[in-house]
Amino acid sequence: MSQTGSSPAAAAPIPGGPKLWLLRHGETEWSRSGQYTGLTDLPLTEVGETQARSAQATLAGVDFDLVLTSPLQRAQRTASLAGFPDAQQEPNAVEWDYGDYEGIDSAVVRAENPGYLIWDSGVPNGEALEHVGARADEIVKRVRAVKREDGAPANVLLVAHGHFLRILTARWLGLPAGEGRHFILGTAKVCTLGWDKKTPAVEQWGL
């Protein structure tokens, strides 16, 4: 899908439409060290498991109509520990494929190339930012189609990965995928995307 438009195609804003809750997975060895972690299927650390359990309190009391998770184990385990062991796998929610930078410390990349920014320079032999944005658009479209029988706005939870959720946030707002650079998201943090009347909006960030 095009990243140049003002909003994701086929995902027009709906007044009082579904609310999308985001949960980044807990800490892994590579997230702690600063290594790019795309499709490498790492487990959570003990700290990451504790973080995931802590997210349960933030999400308590929300009646979710749909719970989705990236298929990667760090996200699935986070979903389970946060109280959602039956979360549906969503293949589009995997992390950015970092290609040759997979497992590389981001500080090393910047030391070799001081002007490097992943948002502008991309990743060699990896996934194009536009493709990550297109995957995010598919999830936005899926979420906005969820309806409740009583007519109240639906709640959807997505458990996934740092860069991917930042890109998805940009696309929810109708911004180009690269504007995800403005949304810093720590491990096991919760965010809520919703609406200001007819305008897609960030309701809360990094709880």
N, C-alpha and C. Protein backbone atom coordinates (compact mmCIF):
# COMPACT_ATOMS: atom_id res chain seq x y z
N MET A 1 0.83 -1.20 0.00
CA MET A 1 0.00 0.00 0.00
C MET A 1 0.87 1.25 0.00
N SER A 2 0.37 2.29 -0.55
CA SER A 2 1.14 3.53 -0.62
C SER A 2 1.32 4.15 0.74
N GLN A 3 2.55 4.72 0.98
CA GLN A 3 2.82 5.42 2.22
C GLN A 3 2.75 6.93 2.03
N THR A 4 2.36 7.38 0.84
CA THR A 4 2.37 8.81 0.55
C THR A 4 1.04 9.46 0.84
N GLY A 5 -0.01 8.68 1.00
CA GLY A 5 -1.33 9.25 1.24
C GLY A 5 -1.46 9.76 2.65
N SER A 6 -2.55 10.47 2.91
CA SER A 6 -2.76 11.07 4.22
C SER A 6 -3.31 10.08 5.23
N SER A 7 -3.87 8.96 4.76
CA SER A 7 -4.41 7.96 5.68
C SER A 7 -4.36 6.60 5.02
N PRO A 8 -4.33 5.51 5.83
CA PRO A 8 -4.31 4.18 5.24
C PRO A 8 -5.53 3.92 4.38
N ALA A 9 -5.30 3.35 3.21
CA ALA A 9 -6.41 3.04 2.31
C ALA A 9 -7.36 2.05 2.98
N ALA A 10 -8.63 2.20 2.70
CA ALA A 10 -9.68 1.30 3.19
C ALA A 10 -9.76 1.29 4.71
N ALA A 11 -9.28 2.34 5.35
CA ALA A 11 -9.34 2.40 6.81
C ALA A 11 -9.79 3.78 7.24
N ALA A 12 -10.87 4.25 6.66
CA ALA A 12 -11.34 5.61 6.93
C ALA A 12 -11.74 5.77 8.39
N PRO A 13 -11.47 6.94 8.98
CA PRO A 13 -11.84 7.17 10.39
C PRO A 13 -13.33 6.97 10.63
N ILE A 14 -13.63 6.35 11.75
CA ILE A 14 -15.01 6.09 12.14
C ILE A 14 -15.26 6.78 13.47
N PRO A 15 -16.17 7.75 13.55
CA PRO A 15 -16.43 8.41 14.84
C PRO A 15 -16.78 7.39 15.91
N GLY A 16 -16.07 7.45 17.03
CA GLY A 16 -16.33 6.49 18.09
C GLY A 16 -15.97 5.08 17.70
N GLY A 17 -15.06 4.93 16.75
CA GLY A 17 -14.68 3.61 16.25
C GLY A 17 -13.84 2.83 17.24
N PRO A 18 -13.38 1.66 16.83
CA PRO A 18 -12.62 0.80 17.72
C PRO A 18 -11.39 1.49 18.29
N LYS A 19 -11.04 1.09 19.50
CA LYS A 19 -9.85 1.58 20.16
C LYS A 19 -8.80 0.47 20.11
N LEU A 20 -7.57 0.84 19.75
CA LEU A 20 -6.49 -0.13 19.64
C LEU A 20 -5.48 0.08 20.76
N TRP A 21 -5.34 -0.95 21.59
CA TRP A 21 -4.36 -0.95 22.67
C TRP A 21 -3.10 -1.66 22.18
N LEU A 22 -1.95 -1.08 22.46
CA LEU A 22 -0.68 -1.65 22.04
C LEU A 22 0.12 -2.07 23.26
N LEU A 23 0.75 -3.23 23.18
CA LEU A 23 1.66 -3.69 24.23
C LEU A 23 2.92 -4.21 23.57
N ARG A 24 4.04 -3.55 23.88
CA ARG A 24 5.32 -4.06 23.39
C ARG A 24 5.74 -5.23 24.28
N HIS A 25 6.41 -6.20 23.68
CA HIS A 25 6.89 -7.36 24.45
C HIS A 25 7.90 -6.93 25.52
N GLY A 26 8.10 -7.80 26.50
CA GLY A 26 9.06 -7.54 27.56
C GLY A 26 10.50 -7.68 27.09
N GLU A 27 11.40 -7.41 27.99
CA GLU A 27 12.83 -7.40 27.68
C GLU A 27 13.34 -8.75 27.19
N THR A 28 14.23 -8.70 26.18
CA THR A 28 15.02 -9.85 25.75
C THR A 28 16.49 -9.48 25.91
N GLU A 29 17.37 -10.46 25.73
CA GLU A 29 18.80 -10.17 25.84
C GLU A 29 19.22 -9.09 24.85
N TRP A 30 18.66 -9.15 23.65
CA TRP A 30 19.08 -8.18 22.62
C TRP A 30 18.44 -6.82 22.81
N SER A 31 17.21 -6.77 23.31
CA SER A 31 16.63 -5.45 23.56
C SER A 31 17.39 -4.76 24.68
N ARG A 32 17.89 -5.54 25.63
CA ARG A 32 18.67 -4.96 26.73
C ARG A 32 20.01 -4.44 26.23
N SER A 33 20.63 -5.15 25.30
CA SER A 33 21.96 -4.78 24.84
C SER A 33 21.94 -3.76 23.70
N GLY A 34 20.77 -3.54 23.10
CA GLY A 34 20.67 -2.59 22.00
C GLY A 34 20.89 -3.20 20.63
N GLN A 35 20.85 -4.53 20.54
CA GLN A 35 21.02 -5.19 19.24
C GLN A 35 19.69 -5.20 18.48
N TYR A 36 19.79 -4.97 17.17
CA TYR A 36 18.59 -5.04 16.34
C TYR A 36 18.02 -6.45 16.39
N THR A 37 16.74 -6.56 16.75
CA THR A 37 16.09 -7.86 16.87
C THR A 37 14.85 -7.87 16.01
N GLY A 38 14.97 -8.45 14.84
CA GLY A 38 13.84 -8.53 13.93
C GLY A 38 13.13 -9.86 14.04
N LEU A 39 13.47 -10.79 13.16
CA LEU A 39 12.79 -12.08 13.11
C LEU A 39 13.48 -13.16 13.93
N THR A 40 14.63 -12.85 14.54
CA THR A 40 15.26 -13.80 15.45
C THR A 40 14.32 -14.05 16.62
N ASP A 41 14.03 -15.31 16.89
CA ASP A 41 12.95 -15.64 17.83
C ASP A 41 13.49 -15.84 19.25
N LEU A 42 13.85 -14.75 19.89
CA LEU A 42 14.43 -14.79 21.23
C LEU A 42 13.36 -14.88 22.31
N PRO A 43 13.67 -15.54 23.43
CA PRO A 43 12.75 -15.57 24.57
C PRO A 43 12.89 -14.31 25.41
N LEU A 44 11.96 -14.12 26.32
CA LEU A 44 12.08 -13.04 27.29
C LEU A 44 13.14 -13.39 28.33
N THR A 45 13.79 -12.37 28.88
CA THR A 45 14.62 -12.56 30.05
C THR A 45 13.72 -12.68 31.29
N GLU A 46 14.32 -12.96 32.43
CA GLU A 46 13.53 -12.97 33.67
C GLU A 46 12.93 -11.60 33.93
N VAL A 47 13.70 -10.55 33.65
CA VAL A 47 13.18 -9.19 33.79
C VAL A 47 12.01 -8.98 32.84
N GLY A 48 12.15 -9.47 31.61
CA GLY A 48 11.08 -9.33 30.62
C GLY A 48 9.81 -10.03 31.06
N GLU A 49 9.94 -11.19 31.70
CA GLU A 49 8.75 -11.89 32.18
C GLU A 49 8.07 -11.10 33.30
N THR A 50 8.88 -10.51 34.17
CA THR A 50 8.31 -9.68 35.24
C THR A 50 7.61 -8.46 34.65
N GLN A 51 8.22 -7.84 33.65
CA GLN A 51 7.60 -6.69 32.99
C GLN A 51 6.26 -7.08 32.38
N ALA A 52 6.21 -8.23 31.72
CA ALA A 52 4.98 -8.67 31.07
C ALA A 52 3.87 -8.88 32.09
N ARG A 53 4.21 -9.48 33.23
CA ARG A 53 3.21 -9.66 34.28
C ARG A 53 2.70 -8.32 34.81
N SER A 54 3.61 -7.35 34.89
CA SER A 54 3.22 -6.03 35.39
C SER A 54 2.24 -5.33 34.47
N ALA A 55 2.31 -5.63 33.17
CA ALA A 55 1.40 -5.00 32.21
C ALA A 55 -0.05 -5.42 32.45
N GLN A 56 -0.23 -6.56 33.13
CA GLN A 56 -1.59 -7.05 33.38
C GLN A 56 -2.40 -6.03 34.17
N ALA A 57 -1.76 -5.35 35.12
CA ALA A 57 -2.49 -4.38 35.94
C ALA A 57 -2.96 -3.19 35.10
N THR A 58 -2.16 -2.79 34.13
CA THR A 58 -2.52 -1.66 33.27
C THR A 58 -3.72 -2.00 32.40
N LEU A 59 -3.83 -3.26 32.00
CA LEU A 59 -4.89 -3.69 31.08
C LEU A 59 -6.12 -4.23 31.82
N ALA A 60 -6.02 -4.35 33.13
CA ALA A 60 -7.11 -4.92 33.90
C ALA A 60 -8.38 -4.08 33.75
N GLY A 61 -9.50 -4.75 33.63
CA GLY A 61 -10.78 -4.06 33.56
C GLY A 61 -11.21 -3.68 32.16
N VAL A 62 -10.33 -3.87 31.17
CA VAL A 62 -10.71 -3.57 29.79
C VAL A 62 -11.33 -4.82 29.17
N ASP A 63 -12.50 -4.65 28.59
CA ASP A 63 -13.20 -5.76 27.93
C ASP A 63 -12.76 -5.80 26.47
N PHE A 64 -11.82 -6.70 26.17
CA PHE A 64 -11.29 -6.77 24.82
C PHE A 64 -12.13 -7.67 23.93
N ASP A 65 -12.46 -7.16 22.76
CA ASP A 65 -13.23 -7.91 21.77
C ASP A 65 -12.34 -8.78 20.90
N LEU A 66 -11.06 -8.41 20.81
CA LEU A 66 -10.10 -9.15 19.99
C LEU A 66 -8.72 -8.90 20.57
N VAL A 67 -7.94 -9.97 20.73
CA VAL A 67 -6.56 -9.85 21.20
C VAL A 67 -5.66 -10.53 20.17
N LEU A 68 -4.71 -9.78 19.66
CA LEU A 68 -3.79 -10.25 18.63
C LEU A 68 -2.37 -10.22 19.15
N THR A 69 -1.53 -11.11 18.63
CA THR A 69 -0.12 -11.10 18.98
C THR A 69 0.72 -11.45 17.77
N SER A 70 1.91 -10.88 17.73
CA SER A 70 2.92 -11.35 16.78
C SER A 70 3.18 -12.83 17.05
N PRO A 71 3.50 -13.60 16.00
CA PRO A 71 3.79 -15.02 16.21
C PRO A 71 5.12 -15.27 16.94
N LEU A 72 6.00 -14.28 17.02
CA LEU A 72 7.30 -14.49 17.65
C LEU A 72 7.13 -14.71 19.15
N GLN A 73 7.96 -15.59 19.71
CA GLN A 73 7.72 -16.05 21.07
C GLN A 73 7.81 -14.94 22.12
N ARG A 74 8.62 -13.93 21.91
CA ARG A 74 8.71 -12.86 22.90
C ARG A 74 7.39 -12.11 23.04
N ALA A 75 6.65 -12.01 21.93
CA ALA A 75 5.33 -11.36 21.97
C ALA A 75 4.28 -12.32 22.52
N GLN A 76 4.29 -13.56 22.06
CA GLN A 76 3.30 -14.53 22.56
C GLN A 76 3.41 -14.74 24.06
N ARG A 77 4.65 -14.83 24.54
CA ARG A 77 4.86 -15.03 25.97
C ARG A 77 4.40 -13.80 26.76
N THR A 78 4.66 -12.63 26.23
CA THR A 78 4.21 -11.40 26.88
C THR A 78 2.69 -11.38 26.96
N ALA A 79 2.03 -11.73 25.86
CA ALA A 79 0.57 -11.76 25.86
C ALA A 79 0.04 -12.72 26.93
N SER A 80 0.65 -13.88 27.01
CA SER A 80 0.20 -14.87 27.98
C SER A 80 0.39 -14.38 29.42
N LEU A 81 1.57 -13.84 29.72
CA LEU A 81 1.85 -13.38 31.07
C LEU A 81 1.02 -12.15 31.44
N ALA A 82 0.60 -11.39 30.44
CA ALA A 82 -0.24 -10.21 30.70
C ALA A 82 -1.70 -10.60 30.87
N GLY A 83 -2.00 -11.89 30.71
CA GLY A 83 -3.36 -12.35 30.94
C GLY A 83 -4.13 -12.77 29.72
N PHE A 84 -3.43 -12.95 28.58
CA PHE A 84 -4.12 -13.27 27.33
C PHE A 84 -3.47 -14.48 26.65
N PRO A 85 -3.57 -15.65 27.27
CA PRO A 85 -2.92 -16.84 26.70
C PRO A 85 -3.54 -17.31 25.40
N ASP A 86 -4.76 -16.86 25.10
CA ASP A 86 -5.45 -17.31 23.88
C ASP A 86 -5.41 -16.27 22.77
N ALA A 87 -4.46 -15.34 22.84
CA ALA A 87 -4.34 -14.31 21.80
C ALA A 87 -4.16 -14.95 20.43
N GLN A 88 -4.80 -14.36 19.43
CA GLN A 88 -4.69 -14.85 18.06
C GLN A 88 -3.38 -14.37 17.43
N GLN A 89 -2.70 -15.26 16.74
CA GLN A 89 -1.47 -14.87 16.04
C GLN A 89 -1.82 -14.03 14.81
N GLU A 90 -1.12 -12.92 14.65
CA GLU A 90 -1.30 -12.04 13.50
C GLU A 90 0.05 -11.95 12.77
N PRO A 91 0.20 -12.66 11.64
CA PRO A 91 1.49 -12.71 10.95
C PRO A 91 2.02 -11.34 10.52
N ASN A 92 1.13 -10.40 10.25
CA ASN A 92 1.59 -9.07 9.83
C ASN A 92 2.25 -8.28 10.95
N ALA A 93 2.16 -8.76 12.19
CA ALA A 93 2.67 -8.01 13.33
C ALA A 93 4.09 -8.35 13.73
N VAL A 94 4.80 -9.15 12.91
CA VAL A 94 6.20 -9.42 13.23
C VAL A 94 7.03 -8.14 13.12
N GLU A 95 8.20 -8.17 13.75
CA GLU A 95 9.06 -6.99 13.74
C GLU A 95 9.66 -6.77 12.36
N TRP A 96 10.17 -5.58 12.13
CA TRP A 96 10.93 -5.21 10.94
C TRP A 96 12.04 -6.24 10.72
N ASP A 97 12.17 -6.72 9.50
CA ASP A 97 13.28 -7.61 9.14
C ASP A 97 14.50 -6.73 8.89
N TYR A 98 15.48 -6.81 9.78
CA TYR A 98 16.63 -5.90 9.72
C TYR A 98 17.74 -6.35 8.78
N GLY A 99 17.56 -7.47 8.10
CA GLY A 99 18.53 -7.89 7.11
C GLY A 99 19.93 -8.06 7.69
N ASP A 100 20.91 -7.40 7.07
CA ASP A 100 22.30 -7.54 7.50
C ASP A 100 22.56 -6.97 8.89
N TYR A 101 21.65 -6.15 9.39
CA TYR A 101 21.84 -5.56 10.72
C TYR A 101 21.23 -6.39 11.84
N GLU A 102 20.63 -7.52 11.49
CA GLU A 102 20.05 -8.39 12.52
C GLU A 102 21.13 -8.80 13.53
N GLY A 103 20.86 -8.56 14.81
CA GLY A 103 21.79 -8.94 15.85
C GLY A 103 22.95 -7.98 16.06
N ILE A 104 23.01 -6.92 15.27
CA ILE A 104 24.08 -5.93 15.38
C ILE A 104 23.69 -4.84 16.36
N ASP A 105 24.62 -4.44 17.19
CA ASP A 105 24.37 -3.34 18.13
C ASP A 105 24.19 -2.05 17.33
N SER A 106 23.10 -1.36 17.58
CA SER A 106 22.83 -0.12 16.83
C SER A 106 23.93 0.90 17.04
N ALA A 107 24.58 0.89 18.20
CA ALA A 107 25.68 1.83 18.45
C ALA A 107 26.86 1.54 17.53
N VAL A 108 27.09 0.28 17.21
CA VAL A 108 28.17 -0.09 16.29
C VAL A 108 27.88 0.44 14.90
N VAL A 109 26.62 0.31 14.47
CA VAL A 109 26.23 0.82 13.15
C VAL A 109 26.46 2.32 13.08
N ARG A 110 26.05 3.04 14.13
CA ARG A 110 26.22 4.50 14.12
C ARG A 110 27.68 4.92 14.22
N ALA A 111 28.50 4.11 14.90
CA ALA A 111 29.93 4.42 14.99
C ALA A 111 30.60 4.30 13.63
N GLU A 112 30.16 3.34 12.84
CA GLU A 112 30.72 3.15 11.50
C GLU A 112 30.15 4.16 10.50
N ASN A 113 28.93 4.61 10.77
CA ASN A 113 28.26 5.56 9.87
C ASN A 113 27.51 6.57 10.73
N PRO A 114 28.18 7.64 11.18
CA PRO A 114 27.58 8.59 12.13
C PRO A 114 26.26 9.21 11.65
N GLY A 115 26.05 9.28 10.34
CA GLY A 115 24.84 9.88 9.82
C GLY A 115 23.68 8.91 9.69
N TYR A 116 23.89 7.67 10.13
CA TYR A 116 22.87 6.64 9.90
C TYR A 116 21.65 6.83 10.79
N LEU A 117 20.48 6.76 10.17
CA LEU A 117 19.20 6.67 10.86
C LEU A 117 18.38 5.61 10.14
N ILE A 118 17.93 4.61 10.87
CA ILE A 118 17.19 3.53 10.22
C ILE A 118 15.97 4.04 9.49
N TRP A 119 15.36 5.12 10.02
CA TRP A 119 14.14 5.66 9.42
C TRP A 119 14.39 6.25 8.03
N ASP A 120 15.61 6.73 7.81
CA ASP A 120 15.94 7.33 6.51
C ASP A 120 16.76 6.40 5.63
N SER A 121 17.66 5.65 6.26
CA SER A 121 18.63 4.85 5.50
C SER A 121 18.17 3.42 5.25
N GLY A 122 17.20 2.95 6.04
CA GLY A 122 16.75 1.58 5.87
C GLY A 122 17.78 0.58 6.37
N VAL A 123 17.61 -0.67 5.96
CA VAL A 123 18.51 -1.74 6.39
C VAL A 123 18.97 -2.53 5.17
N PRO A 124 20.28 -2.78 5.04
CA PRO A 124 20.78 -3.50 3.86
C PRO A 124 20.26 -4.94 3.84
N ASN A 125 19.74 -5.32 2.68
CA ASN A 125 19.22 -6.68 2.47
C ASN A 125 18.11 -7.05 3.45
N GLY A 126 17.41 -6.03 3.94
CA GLY A 126 16.29 -6.26 4.85
C GLY A 126 14.98 -5.77 4.24
N GLU A 127 14.01 -5.56 5.09
CA GLU A 127 12.67 -5.16 4.66
C GLU A 127 12.58 -3.65 4.48
N ALA A 128 11.99 -3.22 3.40
CA ALA A 128 11.79 -1.79 3.17
C ALA A 128 10.79 -1.23 4.17
N LEU A 129 11.04 -0.01 4.62
CA LEU A 129 10.14 0.66 5.56
C LEU A 129 8.72 0.69 5.01
N GLU A 130 8.59 0.92 3.72
CA GLU A 130 7.26 0.99 3.10
C GLU A 130 6.52 -0.34 3.24
N HIS A 131 7.26 -1.43 3.20
CA HIS A 131 6.61 -2.74 3.34
C HIS A 131 6.15 -2.96 4.77
N VAL A 132 6.95 -2.52 5.74
CA VAL A 132 6.52 -2.61 7.13
C VAL A 132 5.25 -1.79 7.32
N GLY A 133 5.23 -0.60 6.73
CA GLY A 133 4.04 0.24 6.80
C GLY A 133 2.82 -0.40 6.18
N ALA A 134 3.03 -1.13 5.10
CA ALA A 134 1.90 -1.81 4.45
C ALA A 134 1.36 -2.93 5.34
N ARG A 135 2.23 -3.61 6.05
CA ARG A 135 1.76 -4.63 6.99
C ARG A 135 0.95 -3.98 8.12
N ALA A 136 1.44 -2.84 8.58
CA ALA A 136 0.71 -2.11 9.62
C ALA A 136 -0.67 -1.69 9.12
N ASP A 137 -0.75 -1.26 7.88
CA ASP A 137 -2.04 -0.86 7.31
C ASP A 137 -3.05 -2.00 7.34
N GLU A 138 -2.58 -3.21 7.09
CA GLU A 138 -3.49 -4.35 7.11
C GLU A 138 -4.08 -4.56 8.50
N ILE A 139 -3.26 -4.33 9.52
CA ILE A 139 -3.77 -4.49 10.89
C ILE A 139 -4.73 -3.35 11.23
N VAL A 140 -4.39 -2.13 10.83
CA VAL A 140 -5.30 -1.01 11.05
C VAL A 140 -6.65 -1.29 10.41
N LYS A 141 -6.63 -1.80 9.21
CA LYS A 141 -7.88 -2.14 8.51
C LYS A 141 -8.65 -3.20 9.27
N ARG A 142 -7.95 -4.22 9.75
CA ARG A 142 -8.61 -5.30 10.49
C ARG A 142 -9.23 -4.78 11.79
N VAL A 143 -8.49 -3.95 12.50
CA VAL A 143 -8.98 -3.42 13.78
C VAL A 143 -10.21 -2.55 13.57
N ARG A 144 -10.17 -1.68 12.58
CA ARG A 144 -11.28 -0.76 12.37
C ARG A 144 -12.54 -1.44 11.87
N ALA A 145 -12.43 -2.70 11.48
CA ALA A 145 -13.61 -3.46 11.06
C ALA A 145 -14.30 -4.17 12.21
N VAL A 146 -13.66 -4.17 13.40
CA VAL A 146 -14.25 -4.87 14.56
C VAL A 146 -15.42 -4.07 15.11
N LYS A 147 -16.54 -4.72 15.29
CA LYS A 147 -17.74 -4.05 15.81
C LYS A 147 -18.33 -4.88 16.95
N ARG A 148 -18.96 -4.18 17.88
CA ARG A 148 -19.65 -4.85 18.97
C ARG A 148 -21.14 -4.87 18.70
N GLU A 149 -21.80 -5.91 19.16
CA GLU A 149 -23.24 -6.06 18.92
C GLU A 149 -24.04 -4.95 19.59
N ASP A 150 -23.53 -4.43 20.72
CA ASP A 150 -24.28 -3.39 21.42
C ASP A 150 -24.02 -2.00 20.86
N GLY A 151 -23.17 -1.92 19.84
CA GLY A 151 -22.89 -0.64 19.19
C GLY A 151 -21.83 0.19 19.86
N ALA A 152 -21.35 -0.23 21.02
CA ALA A 152 -20.29 0.51 21.71
C ALA A 152 -18.96 0.29 20.98
N PRO A 153 -18.03 1.24 21.10
CA PRO A 153 -16.73 1.07 20.45
C PRO A 153 -16.01 -0.18 20.96
N ALA A 154 -15.45 -0.93 20.04
CA ALA A 154 -14.73 -2.15 20.40
C ALA A 154 -13.35 -1.82 20.95
N ASN A 155 -12.80 -2.75 21.70
CA ASN A 155 -11.43 -2.68 22.19
C ASN A 155 -10.63 -3.83 21.61
N VAL A 156 -9.49 -3.51 21.02
CA VAL A 156 -8.60 -4.52 20.45
C VAL A 156 -7.22 -4.34 21.07
N LEU A 157 -6.58 -5.45 21.43
CA LEU A 157 -5.22 -5.42 21.96
C LEU A 157 -4.28 -6.08 20.96
N LEU A 158 -3.14 -5.43 20.72
CA LEU A 158 -2.10 -5.99 19.86
C LEU A 158 -0.79 -6.03 20.65
N VAL A 159 -0.22 -7.23 20.77
CA VAL A 159 1.07 -7.40 21.43
C VAL A 159 2.12 -7.63 20.34
N ALA A 160 3.10 -6.76 20.26
CA ALA A 160 4.07 -6.86 19.17
C ALA A 160 5.40 -6.21 19.58
N HIS A 161 6.03 -5.51 18.65
CA HIS A 161 7.44 -5.14 18.77
C HIS A 161 7.64 -3.63 18.64
N GLY A 162 8.76 -3.16 19.16
CA GLY A 162 9.01 -1.73 19.26
C GLY A 162 8.90 -0.96 17.96
N HIS A 163 9.75 -1.26 16.99
CA HIS A 163 9.69 -0.50 15.75
C HIS A 163 8.36 -0.69 15.04
N PHE A 164 7.86 -1.94 15.04
CA PHE A 164 6.60 -2.17 14.34
C PHE A 164 5.46 -1.38 14.94
N LEU A 165 5.36 -1.36 16.26
CA LEU A 165 4.25 -0.63 16.88
C LEU A 165 4.39 0.87 16.68
N ARG A 166 5.59 1.38 16.60
CA ARG A 166 5.79 2.80 16.33
C ARG A 166 5.34 3.14 14.91
N ILE A 167 5.65 2.26 13.97
CA ILE A 167 5.21 2.46 12.59
C ILE A 167 3.69 2.35 12.48
N LEU A 168 3.12 1.37 13.18
CA LEU A 168 1.67 1.22 13.17
C LEU A 168 0.98 2.46 13.73
N THR A 169 1.56 3.05 14.76
CA THR A 169 0.99 4.27 15.34
C THR A 169 0.97 5.39 14.32
N ALA A 170 2.06 5.54 13.59
CA ALA A 170 2.09 6.57 12.54
C ALA A 170 0.99 6.32 11.51
N ARG A 171 0.82 5.09 11.11
CA ARG A 171 -0.18 4.78 10.10
C ARG A 171 -1.61 4.94 10.64
N TRP A 172 -1.81 4.62 11.93
CA TRP A 172 -3.13 4.86 12.54
C TRP A 172 -3.49 6.33 12.44
N LEU A 173 -2.49 7.18 12.63
CA LEU A 173 -2.71 8.64 12.59
C LEU A 173 -2.77 9.19 11.17
N GLY A 174 -2.53 8.34 10.17
CA GLY A 174 -2.53 8.81 8.79
C GLY A 174 -1.22 9.44 8.38
N LEU A 175 -0.14 9.16 9.12
CA LEU A 175 1.18 9.72 8.82
C LEU A 175 2.02 8.70 8.06
N PRO A 176 3.02 9.15 7.32
CA PRO A 176 3.93 8.20 6.67
C PRO A 176 4.60 7.29 7.70
N ALA A 177 4.96 6.10 7.28
CA ALA A 177 5.53 5.12 8.20
C ALA A 177 6.76 5.65 8.93
N GLY A 178 7.56 6.45 8.25
CA GLY A 178 8.78 6.98 8.85
C GLY A 178 8.55 7.91 10.02
N GLU A 179 7.33 8.40 10.19
CA GLU A 179 7.04 9.27 11.33
C GLU A 179 6.94 8.48 12.63
N GLY A 180 7.05 7.17 12.55
CA GLY A 180 7.14 6.36 13.75
C GLY A 180 8.35 6.72 14.60
N ARG A 181 9.29 7.41 14.01
CA ARG A 181 10.49 7.85 14.75
C ARG A 181 10.15 8.73 15.94
N HIS A 182 9.00 9.34 15.94
CA HIS A 182 8.63 10.28 17.01
C HIS A 182 8.00 9.60 18.22
N PHE A 183 7.79 8.29 18.17
CA PHE A 183 7.08 7.59 19.24
C PHE A 183 8.01 6.59 19.92
N ILE A 184 8.64 6.99 20.99
CA ILE A 184 9.54 6.09 21.72
C ILE A 184 8.71 5.15 22.57
N LEU A 185 9.07 3.87 22.56
CA LEU A 185 8.25 2.86 23.24
C LEU A 185 9.15 1.85 23.94
N GLY A 186 9.11 1.84 25.27
CA GLY A 186 9.92 0.92 26.05
C GLY A 186 9.31 -0.47 26.11
N THR A 187 10.09 -1.43 26.60
CA THR A 187 9.61 -2.80 26.70
C THR A 187 8.45 -2.91 27.68
N ALA A 188 7.45 -3.68 27.28
CA ALA A 188 6.24 -3.97 28.08
C ALA A 188 5.42 -2.73 28.41
N LYS A 189 5.57 -1.67 27.62
CA LYS A 189 4.77 -0.47 27.82
C LYS A 189 3.46 -0.58 27.04
N VAL A 190 2.42 0.06 27.59
CA VAL A 190 1.08 0.02 27.00
C VAL A 190 0.72 1.39 26.44
N CYS A 191 0.11 1.41 25.26
CA CYS A 191 -0.36 2.64 24.64
C CYS A 191 -1.79 2.41 24.14
N THR A 192 -2.50 3.50 23.94
CA THR A 192 -3.86 3.41 23.42
C THR A 192 -4.05 4.36 22.25
N LEU A 193 -4.52 3.82 21.13
CA LEU A 193 -4.85 4.61 19.96
C LEU A 193 -6.36 4.66 19.81
N GLY A 194 -6.90 5.85 19.65
CA GLY A 194 -8.34 5.99 19.55
C GLY A 194 -8.72 7.13 18.65
N TRP A 195 -9.65 7.97 19.13
CA TRP A 195 -10.23 8.99 18.27
C TRP A 195 -10.46 10.30 19.04
N ASP A 196 -10.25 11.39 18.35
CA ASP A 196 -10.75 12.70 18.80
C ASP A 196 -11.88 13.05 17.84
N LYS A 197 -13.10 12.66 18.23
CA LYS A 197 -14.26 12.75 17.33
C LYS A 197 -13.98 11.92 16.08
N LYS A 198 -13.77 12.56 14.92
CA LYS A 198 -13.53 11.81 13.69
C LYS A 198 -12.05 11.66 13.35
N THR A 199 -11.18 12.15 14.22
CA THR A 199 -9.75 12.17 13.92
C THR A 199 -9.02 11.08 14.70
N PRO A 200 -8.27 10.21 14.01
CA PRO A 200 -7.46 9.23 14.73
C PRO A 200 -6.47 9.93 15.65
N ALA A 201 -6.31 9.42 16.86
CA ALA A 201 -5.51 10.11 17.86
C ALA A 201 -4.81 9.13 18.79
N VAL A 202 -3.73 9.62 19.43
CA VAL A 202 -3.09 8.88 20.51
C VAL A 202 -3.78 9.28 21.81
N GLU A 203 -4.38 8.34 22.50
CA GLU A 203 -5.08 8.65 23.76
C GLU A 203 -4.15 8.61 24.95
N GLN A 204 -3.25 7.61 24.97
CA GLN A 204 -2.27 7.54 26.05
C GLN A 204 -1.05 6.77 25.53
N TRP A 205 0.11 7.08 26.11
CA TRP A 205 1.35 6.53 25.55
C TRP A 205 2.30 6.11 26.65
N GLY A 206 2.80 4.89 26.50
CA GLY A 206 3.89 4.42 27.34
C GLY A 206 3.57 4.20 28.79
N LEU A 207 2.37 3.68 29.10
CA LEU A 207 1.99 3.41 30.47
C LEU A 207 2.75 2.20 31.02
